[in-house]
Amino acid sequence: YEAVATKLRELYDTHQRPIGPTEIGLALGFDYQQA
C-alpha cells in the first residue's frame, strides 16, 4: 500500500501527468502481466 502510494506520487511529480496502474507496477518491479 505504502509502496504504491509513494510510487504514484513520485511518478506524478516526475512526469506531471496522470499515471496508470501498469506503469506503477512496472516501476515497482512487477512483470508486465502482473503489473
Full PDB file with SEQRES, HELIX, SHEET, SSBOND, CRYST1, ORIGX, SCALE, CONECT and MASTER records, all heavy atoms in Angstrom:
SEQRES   1 A   35  TYR GLU ALA VAL ALA THR LYS LEU ARG GLU LEU TYR ASP          
SEQRES   2 A   35  THR HIS GLN ARG PRO ILE GLY PRO THR GLU ILE GLY LEU          
SEQRES   3 A   35  ALA LEU GLY PHE ASP TYR GLN GLN ALA                          
HELIX    1 AA1 GLU A    2  HIS A   15  1                                  14    
HELIX    2 AA2 PRO A   21  ALA A   27  1                                   7    
CRYST1    1.000    1.000    1.000  90.00  90.00  90.00 P 1           1          
ORIGX1      1.000000  0.000000  0.000000        0.00000                         
ORIGX2      0.000000  1.000000  0.000000        0.00000                         
ORIGX3      0.000000  0.000000  1.000000        0.00000                         
SCALE1      1.000000  0.000000  0.000000        0.00000                         
SCALE2      0.000000  1.000000  0.000000        0.00000                         
SCALE3      0.000000  0.000000  1.000000        0.00000                         
ATOM      1  N   TYR A   1       0.840  -1.199   0.000  1.00  0.00           N  
ATOM      2  CA  TYR A   1       0.000   0.000   0.000  1.00  0.00           C  
ATOM      3  C   TYR A   1       0.880   1.256   0.000  1.00  0.00           C  
ATOM      4  O   TYR A   1       0.699   2.160  -0.812  1.00  0.00           O  
ATOM      5  CB  TYR A   1      -0.908  -0.036   1.225  1.00  0.00           C  
ATOM      6  CG  TYR A   1      -1.760   1.189   1.423  1.00  0.00           C  
ATOM      7  CD1 TYR A   1      -2.979   1.307   0.788  1.00  0.00           C  
ATOM      8  CD2 TYR A   1      -1.340   2.223   2.259  1.00  0.00           C  
ATOM      9  CE1 TYR A   1      -3.780   2.432   0.968  1.00  0.00           C  
ATOM     10  CE2 TYR A   1      -2.128   3.339   2.444  1.00  0.00           C  
ATOM     11  CZ  TYR A   1      -3.340   3.439   1.801  1.00  0.00           C  
ATOM     12  OH  TYR A   1      -4.117   4.553   1.982  1.00  0.00           O  
ATOM     13  N   GLU A   2       1.835   1.291   0.909  1.00  0.00           N  
ATOM     14  CA  GLU A   2       2.727   2.440   1.010  1.00  0.00           C  
ATOM     15  C   GLU A   2       3.609   2.569  -0.227  1.00  0.00           C  
ATOM     16  O   GLU A   2       3.859   3.679  -0.701  1.00  0.00           O  
ATOM     17  CB  GLU A   2       3.576   2.351   2.270  1.00  0.00           C  
ATOM     18  CG  GLU A   2       2.763   2.573   3.536  1.00  0.00           C  
ATOM     19  CD  GLU A   2       3.586   2.432   4.807  1.00  0.00           C  
ATOM     20  OE1 GLU A   2       4.827   2.318   4.713  1.00  0.00           O  
ATOM     21  OE2 GLU A   2       2.972   2.438   5.880  1.00  0.00           O  
ATOM     22  N   ALA A   3       4.062   1.439  -0.772  1.00  0.00           N  
ATOM     23  CA  ALA A   3       4.913   1.463  -1.962  1.00  0.00           C  
ATOM     24  C   ALA A   3       4.154   2.008  -3.164  1.00  0.00           C  
ATOM     25  O   ALA A   3       4.685   2.835  -3.927  1.00  0.00           O  
ATOM     26  CB  ALA A   3       5.446   0.061  -2.259  1.00  0.00           C  
ATOM     27  N   VAL A   4       2.909   1.593  -3.351  1.00  0.00           N  
ATOM     28  CA  VAL A   4       2.105   2.070  -4.479  1.00  0.00           C  
ATOM     29  C   VAL A   4       1.804   3.557  -4.308  1.00  0.00           C  
ATOM     30  O   VAL A   4       1.943   4.334  -5.260  1.00  0.00           O  
ATOM     31  CB  VAL A   4       0.803   1.249  -4.627  1.00  0.00           C  
ATOM     32  CG1 VAL A   4      -0.146   1.893  -5.621  1.00  0.00           C  
ATOM     33  CG2 VAL A   4       1.132  -0.176  -5.057  1.00  0.00           C  
ATOM     34  N   ALA A   5       1.419   3.974  -3.118  1.00  0.00           N  
ATOM     35  CA  ALA A   5       1.113   5.386  -2.865  1.00  0.00           C  
ATOM     36  C   ALA A   5       2.346   6.259  -3.103  1.00  0.00           C  
ATOM     37  O   ALA A   5       2.260   7.314  -3.746  1.00  0.00           O  
ATOM     38  CB  ALA A   5       0.594   5.569  -1.443  1.00  0.00           C  
ATOM     39  N   THR A   6       3.478   5.817  -2.624  1.00  0.00           N  
ATOM     40  CA  THR A   6       4.719   6.570  -2.786  1.00  0.00           C  
ATOM     41  C   THR A   6       5.145   6.621  -4.239  1.00  0.00           C  
ATOM     42  O   THR A   6       5.544   7.675  -4.754  1.00  0.00           O  
ATOM     43  CB  THR A   6       5.835   5.949  -1.917  1.00  0.00           C  
ATOM     44  OG1 THR A   6       5.412   5.975  -0.548  1.00  0.00           O  
ATOM     45  CG2 THR A   6       7.143   6.701  -2.071  1.00  0.00           C  
ATOM     46  N   LYS A   7       5.031   5.500  -4.938  1.00  0.00           N  
ATOM     47  CA  LYS A   7       5.434   5.453  -6.350  1.00  0.00           C  
ATOM     48  C   LYS A   7       4.502   6.308  -7.203  1.00  0.00           C  
ATOM     49  O   LYS A   7       4.956   6.977  -8.142  1.00  0.00           O  
ATOM     50  CB  LYS A   7       5.452   4.003  -6.845  1.00  0.00           C  
ATOM     51  CG  LYS A   7       6.062   3.817  -8.207  1.00  0.00           C  
ATOM     52  CD  LYS A   7       7.493   4.338  -8.304  1.00  0.00           C  
ATOM     53  CE  LYS A   7       8.484   3.512  -7.549  1.00  0.00           C  
ATOM     54  NZ  LYS A   7       9.882   3.971  -7.775  1.00  0.00           N  
ATOM     55  N   LEU A   8       3.208   6.324  -6.907  1.00  0.00           N  
ATOM     56  CA  LEU A   8       2.279   7.185  -7.628  1.00  0.00           C  
ATOM     57  C   LEU A   8       2.711   8.640  -7.498  1.00  0.00           C  
ATOM     58  O   LEU A   8       2.818   9.360  -8.487  1.00  0.00           O  
ATOM     59  CB  LEU A   8       0.849   7.006  -7.101  1.00  0.00           C  
ATOM     60  CG  LEU A   8      -0.193   8.008  -7.627  1.00  0.00           C  
ATOM     61  CD1 LEU A   8      -0.338   7.916  -9.147  1.00  0.00           C  
ATOM     62  CD2 LEU A   8      -1.521   7.789  -6.928  1.00  0.00           C  
ATOM     63  N   ARG A   9       2.990   9.068  -6.284  1.00  0.00           N  
ATOM     64  CA  ARG A   9       3.396  10.460  -6.061  1.00  0.00           C  
ATOM     65  C   ARG A   9       4.734  10.749  -6.751  1.00  0.00           C  
ATOM     66  O   ARG A   9       4.907  11.781  -7.392  1.00  0.00           O  
ATOM     67  CB  ARG A   9       3.499  10.761  -4.571  1.00  0.00           C  
ATOM     68  CG  ARG A   9       3.860  12.220  -4.310  1.00  0.00           C  
ATOM     69  CD  ARG A   9       3.639  12.640  -2.878  1.00  0.00           C  
ATOM     70  NE  ARG A   9       2.276  12.517  -2.435  1.00  0.00           N  
ATOM     71  CZ  ARG A   9       1.304  13.401  -2.687  1.00  0.00           C  
ATOM     72  NH1 ARG A   9       1.554  14.444  -3.423  1.00  0.00           N  
ATOM     73  NH2 ARG A   9       0.103  13.218  -2.212  1.00  0.00           N  
ATOM     74  N   GLU A  10       5.663   9.826  -6.646  1.00  0.00           N  
ATOM     75  CA  GLU A  10       6.985  10.002  -7.254  1.00  0.00           C  
ATOM     76  C   GLU A  10       6.887  10.133  -8.783  1.00  0.00           C  
ATOM     77  O   GLU A  10       7.471  11.044  -9.377  1.00  0.00           O  
ATOM     78  CB  GLU A  10       7.849   8.800  -6.883  1.00  0.00           C  
ATOM     79  CG  GLU A  10       9.266   8.819  -7.358  1.00  0.00           C  
ATOM     80  CD  GLU A  10       9.965   7.541  -6.923  1.00  0.00           C  
ATOM     81  OE1 GLU A  10      10.115   7.326  -5.709  1.00  0.00           O  
ATOM     82  OE2 GLU A  10      10.349   6.755  -7.812  1.00  0.00           O  
ATOM     83  N   LEU A  11       6.136   9.227  -9.399  1.00  0.00           N  
ATOM     84  CA  LEU A  11       5.979   9.276 -10.857  1.00  0.00           C  
ATOM     85  C   LEU A  11       5.213  10.519 -11.293  1.00  0.00           C  
ATOM     86  O   LEU A  11       5.550  11.144 -12.307  1.00  0.00           O  
ATOM     87  CB  LEU A  11       5.284   8.009 -11.365  1.00  0.00           C  
ATOM     88  CG  LEU A  11       6.099   6.725 -11.281  1.00  0.00           C  
ATOM     89  CD1 LEU A  11       5.220   5.512 -11.588  1.00  0.00           C  
ATOM     90  CD2 LEU A  11       7.289   6.778 -12.225  1.00  0.00           C  
ATOM     91  N   TYR A  12       4.197  10.890 -10.527  1.00  0.00           N  
ATOM     92  CA  TYR A  12       3.430  12.080 -10.866  1.00  0.00           C  
ATOM     93  C   TYR A  12       4.305  13.327 -10.753  1.00  0.00           C  
ATOM     94  O   TYR A  12       4.269  14.204 -11.619  1.00  0.00           O  
ATOM     95  CB  TYR A  12       2.197  12.214  -9.973  1.00  0.00           C  
ATOM     96  CG  TYR A  12       1.381  13.434 -10.310  1.00  0.00           C  
ATOM     97  CD1 TYR A  12       0.528  13.428 -11.415  1.00  0.00           C  
ATOM     98  CD2 TYR A  12       1.494  14.595  -9.566  1.00  0.00           C  
ATOM     99  CE1 TYR A  12      -0.205  14.551 -11.754  1.00  0.00           C  
ATOM    100  CE2 TYR A  12       0.763  15.728  -9.896  1.00  0.00           C  
ATOM    101  CZ  TYR A  12      -0.076  15.695 -10.995  1.00  0.00           C  
ATOM    102  OH  TYR A  12      -0.792  16.814 -11.333  1.00  0.00           O  
ATOM    103  N   ASP A  13       5.091  13.415  -9.697  1.00  0.00           N  
ATOM    104  CA  ASP A  13       5.982  14.569  -9.521  1.00  0.00           C  
ATOM    105  C   ASP A  13       6.999  14.662 -10.651  1.00  0.00           C  
ATOM    106  O   ASP A  13       7.338  15.750 -11.101  1.00  0.00           O  
ATOM    107  CB  ASP A  13       6.703  14.498  -8.175  1.00  0.00           C  
ATOM    108  CG  ASP A  13       5.781  14.765  -6.991  1.00  0.00           C  
ATOM    109  OD1 ASP A  13       4.654  15.279  -7.204  1.00  0.00           O  
ATOM    110  OD2 ASP A  13       6.183  14.449  -5.858  1.00  0.00           O  
ATOM    111  N   THR A  14       7.466  13.520 -11.127  1.00  0.00           N  
ATOM    112  CA  THR A  14       8.454  13.492 -12.204  1.00  0.00           C  
ATOM    113  C   THR A  14       7.839  13.857 -13.546  1.00  0.00           C  
ATOM    114  O   THR A  14       8.388  14.663 -14.292  1.00  0.00           O  
ATOM    115  CB  THR A  14       9.097  12.091 -12.306  1.00  0.00           C  
ATOM    116  OG1 THR A  14       9.729  11.791 -11.057  1.00  0.00           O  
ATOM    117  CG2 THR A  14      10.115  12.029 -13.421  1.00  0.00           C  
ATOM    118  N   HIS A  15       6.696  13.275 -13.873  1.00  0.00           N  
ATOM    119  CA  HIS A  15       6.113  13.407 -15.216  1.00  0.00           C  
ATOM    120  C   HIS A  15       5.009  14.454 -15.329  1.00  0.00           C  
ATOM    121  O   HIS A  15       4.634  14.841 -16.439  1.00  0.00           O  
ATOM    122  CB  HIS A  15       5.584  12.056 -15.693  1.00  0.00           C  
ATOM    123  CG  HIS A  15       6.645  11.002 -15.739  1.00  0.00           C  
ATOM    124  ND1 HIS A  15       7.682  11.034 -16.633  1.00  0.00           N  
ATOM    125  CD2 HIS A  15       6.832   9.894 -14.985  1.00  0.00           C  
ATOM    126  CE1 HIS A  15       8.462   9.983 -16.445  1.00  0.00           C  
ATOM    127  NE2 HIS A  15       7.968   9.279 -15.441  1.00  0.00           N  
ATOM    128  N   GLN A  16       4.431  14.868 -14.200  1.00  0.00           N  
ATOM    129  CA  GLN A  16       3.346  15.863 -14.184  1.00  0.00           C  
ATOM    130  C   GLN A  16       2.177  15.480 -15.090  1.00  0.00           C  
ATOM    131  O   GLN A  16       1.663  16.295 -15.861  1.00  0.00           O  
ATOM    132  CB  GLN A  16       3.890  17.250 -14.562  1.00  0.00           C  
ATOM    133  CG  GLN A  16       4.822  17.824 -13.523  1.00  0.00           C  
ATOM    134  CD  GLN A  16       4.147  18.039 -12.180  1.00  0.00           C  
ATOM    135  OE1 GLN A  16       3.148  18.735 -12.092  1.00  0.00           O  
ATOM    136  NE2 GLN A  16       4.684  17.434 -11.130  1.00  0.00           N  
ATOM    137  N   ARG A  17       1.766  14.219 -15.001  1.00  0.00           N  
ATOM    138  CA  ARG A  17       0.619  13.716 -15.760  1.00  0.00           C  
ATOM    139  C   ARG A  17       0.024  12.548 -14.976  1.00  0.00           C  
ATOM    140  O   ARG A  17       0.700  11.967 -14.125  1.00  0.00           O  
ATOM    141  CB  ARG A  17       1.035  13.264 -17.151  1.00  0.00           C  
ATOM    142  CG  ARG A  17       2.054  12.133 -17.157  1.00  0.00           C  
ATOM    143  CD  ARG A  17       2.291  11.559 -18.535  1.00  0.00           C  
ATOM    144  NE  ARG A  17       3.389  10.621 -18.546  1.00  0.00           N  
ATOM    145  CZ  ARG A  17       3.365   9.387 -18.052  1.00  0.00           C  
ATOM    146  NH1 ARG A  17       2.286   8.916 -17.462  1.00  0.00           N  
ATOM    147  NH2 ARG A  17       4.421   8.600 -18.130  1.00  0.00           N  
ATOM    148  N   PRO A  18      -1.222  12.177 -15.248  1.00  0.00           N  
ATOM    149  CA  PRO A  18      -1.795  11.002 -14.586  1.00  0.00           C  
ATOM    150  C   PRO A  18      -0.989   9.741 -14.901  1.00  0.00           C  
ATOM    151  O   PRO A  18      -0.436   9.599 -15.997  1.00  0.00           O  
ATOM    152  CB  PRO A  18      -3.203  10.912 -15.173  1.00  0.00           C  
ATOM    153  CG  PRO A  18      -3.509  12.308 -15.605  1.00  0.00           C  
ATOM    154  CD  PRO A  18      -2.192  12.863 -16.097  1.00  0.00           C  
ATOM    155  N   ILE A  19      -0.950   8.827 -13.941  1.00  0.00           N  
ATOM    156  CA  ILE A  19      -0.133   7.618 -14.045  1.00  0.00           C  
ATOM    157  C   ILE A  19      -1.044   6.392 -14.029  1.00  0.00           C  
ATOM    158  O   ILE A  19      -1.942   6.283 -13.193  1.00  0.00           O  
ATOM    159  CB  ILE A  19       0.862   7.531 -12.863  1.00  0.00           C  
ATOM    160  CG1 ILE A  19       1.676   8.833 -12.721  1.00  0.00           C  
ATOM    161  CG2 ILE A  19       1.769   6.319 -13.002  1.00  0.00           C  
ATOM    162  CD1 ILE A  19       2.553   9.183 -13.887  1.00  0.00           C  
ATOM    163  N   GLY A  20      -0.792   5.453 -14.921  1.00  0.00           N  
ATOM    164  CA  GLY A  20      -1.587   4.231 -14.996  1.00  0.00           C  
ATOM    165  C   GLY A  20      -1.083   3.155 -14.052  1.00  0.00           C  
ATOM    166  O   GLY A  20       0.077   3.151 -13.651  1.00  0.00           O  
ATOM    167  N   PRO A  21      -1.965   2.223 -13.697  1.00  0.00           N  
ATOM    168  CA  PRO A  21      -1.579   1.149 -12.778  1.00  0.00           C  
ATOM    169  C   PRO A  21      -0.456   0.268 -13.325  1.00  0.00           C  
ATOM    170  O   PRO A  21       0.401  -0.191 -12.573  1.00  0.00           O  
ATOM    171  CB  PRO A  21      -2.858   0.348 -12.564  1.00  0.00           C  
ATOM    172  CG  PRO A  21      -3.838   0.843 -13.551  1.00  0.00           C  
ATOM    173  CD  PRO A  21      -3.366   2.155 -14.063  1.00  0.00           C  
ATOM    174  N   THR A  22      -0.426   0.057 -14.639  1.00  0.00           N  
ATOM    175  CA  THR A  22       0.640  -0.756 -15.222  1.00  0.00           C  
ATOM    176  C   THR A  22       1.987  -0.066 -15.043  1.00  0.00           C  
ATOM    177  O   THR A  22       2.984  -0.704 -14.667  1.00  0.00           O  
ATOM    178  CB  THR A  22       0.379  -1.034 -16.713  1.00  0.00           C  
ATOM    179  OG1 THR A  22      -0.872  -1.711 -16.832  1.00  0.00           O  
ATOM    180  CG2 THR A  22       1.475  -1.903 -17.317  1.00  0.00           C  
ATOM    181  N   GLU A  23       2.025   1.216 -15.288  1.00  0.00           N  
ATOM    182  CA  GLU A  23       3.274   1.971 -15.146  1.00  0.00           C  
ATOM    183  C   GLU A  23       3.788   1.927 -13.704  1.00  0.00           C  
ATOM    184  O   GLU A  23       4.990   1.771 -13.461  1.00  0.00           O  
ATOM    185  CB  GLU A  23       3.040   3.419 -15.580  1.00  0.00           C  
ATOM    186  CG  GLU A  23       4.282   4.258 -15.623  1.00  0.00           C  
ATOM    187  CD  GLU A  23       4.044   5.655 -16.172  1.00  0.00           C  
ATOM    188  OE1 GLU A  23       2.905   5.973 -16.591  1.00  0.00           O  
ATOM    189  OE2 GLU A  23       5.011   6.437 -16.184  1.00  0.00           O  
ATOM    190  N   ILE A  24       2.880   2.038 -12.755  1.00  0.00           N  
ATOM    191  CA  ILE A  24       3.272   1.964 -11.344  1.00  0.00           C  
ATOM    192  C   ILE A  24       3.803   0.570 -11.025  1.00  0.00           C  
ATOM    193  O   ILE A  24       4.850   0.418 -10.398  1.00  0.00           O  
ATOM    194  CB  ILE A  24       2.091   2.321 -10.424  1.00  0.00           C  
ATOM    195  CG1 ILE A  24       1.694   3.781 -10.640  1.00  0.00           C  
ATOM    196  CG2 ILE A  24       2.439   2.067  -8.960  1.00  0.00           C  
ATOM    197  CD1 ILE A  24       0.371   4.168 -10.031  1.00  0.00           C  
ATOM    198  N   GLY A  25       3.080  -0.451 -11.462  1.00  0.00           N  
ATOM    199  CA  GLY A  25       3.509  -1.826 -11.206  1.00  0.00           C  
ATOM    200  C   GLY A  25       4.862  -2.133 -11.812  1.00  0.00           C  
ATOM    201  O   GLY A  25       5.708  -2.776 -11.175  1.00  0.00           O  
ATOM    202  N   LEU A  26       5.090  -1.676 -13.028  1.00  0.00           N  
ATOM    203  CA  LEU A  26       6.400  -1.894 -13.666  1.00  0.00           C  
ATOM    204  C   LEU A  26       7.503  -1.184 -12.892  1.00  0.00           C  
ATOM    205  O   LEU A  26       8.591  -1.737 -12.702  1.00  0.00           O  
ATOM    206  CB  LEU A  26       6.368  -1.419 -15.120  1.00  0.00           C  
ATOM    207  CG  LEU A  26       5.508  -2.250 -16.075  1.00  0.00           C  
ATOM    208  CD1 LEU A  26       5.406  -1.568 -17.432  1.00  0.00           C  
ATOM    209  CD2 LEU A  26       6.071  -3.656 -16.223  1.00  0.00           C  
ATOM    210  N   ALA A  27       7.217   0.027 -12.429  1.00  0.00           N  
ATOM    211  CA  ALA A  27       8.207   0.783 -11.657  1.00  0.00           C  
ATOM    212  C   ALA A  27       8.513   0.104 -10.325  1.00  0.00           C  
ATOM    213  O   ALA A  27       9.611   0.262  -9.781  1.00  0.00           O  
ATOM    214  CB  ALA A  27       7.708   2.203 -11.424  1.00  0.00           C  
ATOM    215  N   LEU A  28       7.559  -0.678  -9.815  1.00  0.00           N  
ATOM    216  CA  LEU A  28       7.784  -1.410  -8.566  1.00  0.00           C  
ATOM    217  C   LEU A  28       8.447  -2.770  -8.786  1.00  0.00           C  
ATOM    218  O   LEU A  28       8.713  -3.484  -7.837  1.00  0.00           O  
ATOM    219  CB  LEU A  28       6.459  -1.598  -7.823  1.00  0.00           C  
ATOM    220  CG  LEU A  28       5.861  -0.324  -7.225  1.00  0.00           C  
ATOM    221  CD1 LEU A  28       4.464  -0.592  -6.691  1.00  0.00           C  
ATOM    222  CD2 LEU A  28       6.762   0.222  -6.124  1.00  0.00           C  
ATOM    223  N   GLY A  29       8.669  -3.124 -10.053  1.00  0.00           N  
ATOM    224  CA  GLY A  29       9.392  -4.355 -10.344  1.00  0.00           C  
ATOM    225  C   GLY A  29       8.535  -5.543 -10.734  1.00  0.00           C  
ATOM    226  O   GLY A  29       9.060  -6.642 -10.904  1.00  0.00           O  
ATOM    227  N   PHE A  30       7.226  -5.363 -10.879  1.00  0.00           N  
ATOM    228  CA  PHE A  30       6.375  -6.468 -11.320  1.00  0.00           C  
ATOM    229  C   PHE A  30       6.517  -6.646 -12.821  1.00  0.00           C  
ATOM    230  O   PHE A  30       6.797  -5.683 -13.544  1.00  0.00           O  
ATOM    231  CB  PHE A  30       4.904  -6.208 -10.973  1.00  0.00           C  
ATOM    232  CG  PHE A  30       4.643  -6.169  -9.504  1.00  0.00           C  
ATOM    233  CD1 PHE A  30       4.312  -4.982  -8.871  1.00  0.00           C  
ATOM    234  CD2 PHE A  30       4.735  -7.320  -8.735  1.00  0.00           C  
ATOM    235  CE1 PHE A  30       4.076  -4.934  -7.515  1.00  0.00           C  
ATOM    236  CE2 PHE A  30       4.497  -7.288  -7.368  1.00  0.00           C  
ATOM    237  CZ  PHE A  30       4.172  -6.092  -6.755  1.00  0.00           C  
ATOM    238  N   ASP A  31       6.335  -7.861 -13.299  1.00  0.00           N  
ATOM    239  CA  ASP A  31       6.391  -8.063 -14.742  1.00  0.00           C  
ATOM    240  C   ASP A  31       5.110  -7.518 -15.371  1.00  0.00           C  
ATOM    241  O   ASP A  31       4.121  -7.258 -14.696  1.00  0.00           O  
ATOM    242  CB  ASP A  31       6.642  -9.525 -15.118  1.00  0.00           C  
ATOM    243  CG  ASP A  31       5.551 -10.484 -14.668  1.00  0.00           C  
ATOM    244  OD1 ASP A  31       4.367 -10.097 -14.681  1.00  0.00           O  
ATOM    245  OD2 ASP A  31       5.879 -11.629 -14.337  1.00  0.00           O  
ATOM    246  N   TYR A  32       5.157  -7.325 -16.675  1.00  0.00           N  
ATOM    247  CA  TYR A  32       4.067  -6.660 -17.388  1.00  0.00           C  
ATOM    248  C   TYR A  32       2.720  -7.349 -17.163  1.00  0.00           C  
ATOM    249  O   TYR A  32       1.698  -6.682 -17.007  1.00  0.00           O  
ATOM    250  CB  TYR A  32       4.385  -6.591 -18.888  1.00  0.00           C  
ATOM    251  CG  TYR A  32       3.347  -5.831 -19.668  1.00  0.00           C  
ATOM    252  CD1 TYR A  32       3.346  -4.445 -19.687  1.00  0.00           C  
ATOM    253  CD2 TYR A  32       2.343  -6.504 -20.367  1.00  0.00           C  
ATOM    254  CE1 TYR A  32       2.376  -3.730 -20.378  1.00  0.00           C  
ATOM    255  CE2 TYR A  32       1.376  -5.797 -21.071  1.00  0.00           C  
ATOM    256  CZ  TYR A  32       1.398  -4.420 -21.066  1.00  0.00           C  
ATOM    257  OH  TYR A  32       0.438  -3.721 -21.746  1.00  0.00           O  
ATOM    258  N   GLN A  33       2.714  -8.692 -17.138  1.00  0.00           N  
ATOM    259  CA  GLN A  33       1.454  -9.432 -17.000  1.00  0.00           C  
ATOM    260  C   GLN A  33       0.800  -9.233 -15.630  1.00  0.00           C  
ATOM    261  O   GLN A  33      -0.397  -9.412 -15.485  1.00  0.00           O  
ATOM    262  CB  GLN A  33       1.681 -10.932 -17.236  1.00  0.00           C  
ATOM    263  CG  GLN A  33       1.976 -11.305 -18.667  1.00  0.00           C  
ATOM    264  CD  GLN A  33       3.406 -10.972 -19.103  1.00  0.00           C  
ATOM    265  OE1 GLN A  33       4.292 -10.808 -18.274  1.00  0.00           O  
ATOM    266  NE2 GLN A  33       3.617 -10.874 -20.402  1.00  0.00           N  
ATOM    267  N   GLN A  34       1.576  -8.881 -14.615  1.00  0.00           N  
ATOM    268  CA  GLN A  34       1.031  -8.718 -13.266  1.00  0.00           C  
ATOM    269  C   GLN A  34       0.963  -7.273 -12.806  1.00  0.00           C  
ATOM    270  O   GLN A  34       0.314  -6.976 -11.800  1.00  0.00           O  
ATOM    271  CB  GLN A  34       1.874  -9.491 -12.261  1.00  0.00           C  
ATOM    272  CG  GLN A  34       1.832 -10.977 -12.410  1.00  0.00           C  
ATOM    273  CD  GLN A  34       2.632 -11.645 -11.312  1.00  0.00           C  
ATOM    274  OE1 GLN A  34       3.396 -11.006 -10.601  1.00  0.00           O  
ATOM    275  NE2 GLN A  34       2.466 -12.945 -11.179  1.00  0.00           N  
ATOM    276  N   ALA A  35       1.613  -6.374 -13.507  1.00  0.00           N  
ATOM    277  CA  ALA A  35       1.771  -5.002 -13.023  1.00  0.00           C  
ATOM    278  C   ALA A  35       0.441  -4.338 -12.681  1.00  0.00           C  
ATOM    279  O   ALA A  35       0.275  -3.800 -11.580  1.00  0.00           O  
ATOM    280  CB  ALA A  35       2.545  -4.177 -14.042  1.00  0.00           C  
TER     281      ALA A  35                                                      
MASTER        0    0    0    2    0    0    0    6  280    1    0    3          
END                                                                             
